Amino acid sequence: MAKFLIVEARFYDHLNDMLVAGAKAALKAAGHKAEVLTVPGALEIPGAIALAEQSGDFDGYVAIGVVIRGETYHFEIVAGESARGVMALTMDGIAIGNGILTVENEAQALVRADPAQKDKGGEAAKAAMALLALREKYA
């Protein structure tokens, strides 16, 4: 049994609830434990994972958040830099499933967040578990 930390950027409560529920369900179905840590926004997710990794308390991580395009360039910065930060940590050998949605509108986010539809939270948890298995295989 592994222990995962779900790091969520809680900005859209109703969407995050669905993403976290999907992630928790996937981890529980696989027999793993999960804790949830909330950070202010998607840009803080990689930093929080890096800090938590230093504790040695977790085997893997699930990054959860929703970034919806607005009227400014801010969307591109948040979407790109949060993904870059998660990818950099993954390349360092940390098992992270990226469930940060980057969408044009709330309707797209709802379909992707809903565990009964695209279940991107559950998919991110499954990705984290797959990377953990690879890390253990090649350790």
Protein backbone atom coordinates (compact mmCIF):
# COMPACT_ATOMS: atom_id res chain seq x y z
CA MET A 1 0.00 0.00 0.00
CA ALA A 2 1.37 3.39 -1.03
CA LYS A 3 0.58 6.81 0.35
CA PHE A 4 -0.31 9.61 -2.06
CA LEU A 5 -0.71 13.33 -1.53
CA ILE A 6 -3.40 15.01 -3.59
CA VAL A 7 -2.33 18.64 -3.99
CA GLU A 8 -5.26 20.75 -5.07
CA ALA A 9 -5.42 24.37 -6.14
CA ARG A 10 -8.85 25.09 -4.73
CA PHE A 11 -10.22 27.88 -6.87
CA TYR A 12 -13.41 26.39 -8.32
CA ASP A 13 -14.88 24.45 -5.39
CA HIS A 14 -17.51 22.45 -7.30
CA LEU A 15 -15.00 21.37 -9.95
CA ASN A 16 -12.30 20.54 -7.44
CA ASP A 17 -14.73 18.45 -5.42
CA MET A 18 -15.29 16.25 -8.46
CA LEU A 19 -11.60 16.00 -9.37
CA VAL A 20 -10.59 15.12 -5.81
CA ALA A 21 -13.42 12.58 -5.54
CA GLY A 22 -12.23 10.88 -8.72
CA ALA A 23 -8.62 10.80 -7.53
CA LYS A 24 -9.56 9.45 -4.10
CA ALA A 25 -11.78 6.76 -5.60
CA ALA A 26 -9.04 5.54 -7.96
CA LEU A 27 -6.45 5.43 -5.19
CA LYS A 28 -8.81 3.68 -2.78
CA ALA A 29 -9.80 1.12 -5.44
CA ALA A 30 -6.11 0.28 -5.82
CA GLY A 31 -5.68 -0.09 -2.05
CA HIS A 32 -3.69 3.09 -1.46
CA LYS A 33 -3.98 5.85 1.13
CA ALA A 34 -4.45 9.51 0.26
CA GLU A 35 -4.21 12.87 1.97
CA VAL A 36 -5.30 16.20 0.52
CA LEU A 37 -3.33 19.44 0.70
CA THR A 38 -4.89 22.67 -0.53
CA VAL A 39 -2.81 25.47 -2.06
CA PRO A 40 -3.94 28.90 -3.31
CA GLY A 41 -3.52 28.30 -7.05
CA ALA A 42 -2.11 26.08 -9.77
CA LEU A 43 1.25 27.86 -9.74
CA GLU A 44 1.76 26.74 -6.13
CA ILE A 45 1.20 23.04 -6.86
CA PRO A 46 4.76 22.16 -7.98
CA GLY A 47 6.30 23.99 -5.03
CA ALA A 48 4.00 22.24 -2.57
CA ILE A 49 4.87 18.86 -4.09
CA ALA A 50 8.59 19.64 -3.89
CA LEU A 51 8.26 20.61 -0.22
CA ALA A 52 6.16 17.55 0.63
CA GLU A 53 8.64 15.29 -1.16
CA GLN A 54 11.36 16.46 1.22
CA SER A 55 9.39 14.94 4.11
CA GLY A 56 9.65 11.43 2.69
CA ASP A 57 6.07 10.80 3.82
CA PHE A 58 4.58 10.17 0.38
CA ASP A 59 5.16 7.71 -2.42
CA GLY A 60 3.41 9.75 -5.10
CA TYR A 61 1.34 12.82 -5.83
CA VAL A 62 -1.76 13.87 -7.72
CA ALA A 63 -1.89 17.48 -8.93
CA ILE A 64 -5.46 18.81 -9.09
CA GLY A 65 -6.68 22.18 -10.29
CA VAL A 66 -8.70 24.04 -12.88
CA VAL A 67 -7.43 26.89 -15.04
CA ILE A 68 -10.12 28.49 -17.22
CA ARG A 69 -9.12 30.89 -19.99
CA GLY A 70 -9.96 34.49 -19.24
CA GLU A 71 -9.50 37.75 -21.06
CA THR A 72 -5.80 38.17 -20.31
CA TYR A 73 -2.50 36.41 -20.93
CA HIS A 74 -2.56 35.13 -17.33
CA PHE A 75 -4.13 31.85 -18.50
CA GLU A 76 -1.11 30.98 -20.63
CA ILE A 77 1.31 31.72 -17.80
CA VAL A 78 -0.59 29.67 -15.21
CA ALA A 79 -1.32 26.76 -17.56
CA GLY A 80 2.19 26.59 -18.97
CA GLU A 81 4.19 27.20 -15.82
CA SER A 82 2.18 24.82 -13.62
CA ALA A 83 2.59 22.08 -16.24
CA ARG A 84 6.30 22.87 -16.60
CA GLY A 85 6.79 22.70 -12.84
CA VAL A 86 4.99 19.37 -12.53
CA MET A 87 6.93 17.96 -15.49
CA ALA A 88 10.26 19.09 -14.04
CA LEU A 89 9.52 17.26 -10.80
CA THR A 90 8.40 14.18 -12.72
CA MET A 91 11.66 14.20 -14.66
CA ASP A 92 13.46 14.20 -11.30
CA GLY A 93 11.79 10.86 -10.52
CA ILE A 94 8.80 11.97 -8.48
CA ALA A 95 5.62 10.04 -9.32
CA ILE A 96 3.05 12.72 -10.17
CA GLY A 97 -0.22 12.45 -12.03
CA ASN A 98 -1.16 15.79 -13.57
CA GLY A 99 -4.87 16.51 -13.17
CA ILE A 100 -4.66 20.27 -13.67
CA LEU A 101 -7.37 21.05 -16.19
CA THR A 102 -6.63 23.84 -18.66
CA VAL A 103 -9.86 24.64 -20.47
CA GLU A 104 -11.63 27.34 -22.44
CA ASN A 105 -14.78 27.46 -20.29
CA GLU A 106 -16.59 25.97 -17.33
CA ALA A 107 -18.64 23.58 -19.49
CA GLN A 108 -15.43 21.89 -20.68
CA ALA A 109 -14.18 21.72 -17.09
CA LEU A 110 -17.41 20.12 -15.85
CA VAL A 111 -17.20 17.28 -18.39
CA ARG A 112 -13.55 16.62 -17.57
CA ALA A 113 -13.91 16.88 -13.79
CA ASP A 114 -17.03 14.73 -13.40
CA PRO A 115 -16.12 11.17 -12.31
CA ALA A 116 -19.13 9.92 -14.26
CA GLN A 117 -17.79 11.48 -17.48
CA LYS A 118 -14.09 11.99 -18.28
CA ASP A 119 -12.89 11.58 -14.66
CA LYS A 120 -9.63 13.46 -15.09
CA GLY A 121 -9.02 13.30 -11.32
CA GLY A 122 -9.19 9.52 -11.45
CA GLU A 123 -7.00 9.44 -14.55
CA ALA A 124 -4.38 11.62 -12.83
CA ALA A 125 -4.34 9.25 -9.84
CA LYS A 126 -3.90 6.28 -12.18
CA ALA A 127 -1.02 8.07 -13.91
CA ALA A 128 0.64 8.68 -10.54
CA MET A 129 0.26 5.02 -9.64
CA ALA A 130 1.71 3.96 -13.01
CA LEU A 131 4.74 6.22 -12.54
CA LEU A 132 5.25 4.91 -9.02
CA ALA A 133 5.25 1.35 -10.37
CA LEU A 134 7.84 2.34 -12.99
CA ARG A 135 10.00 4.06 -10.41
CA GLU A 136 9.90 0.94 -8.22
CA LYS A 137 10.67 -1.29 -11.23
CA TYR A 138 13.74 0.71 -12.23
CA ALA A 139 14.98 1.70 -8.77
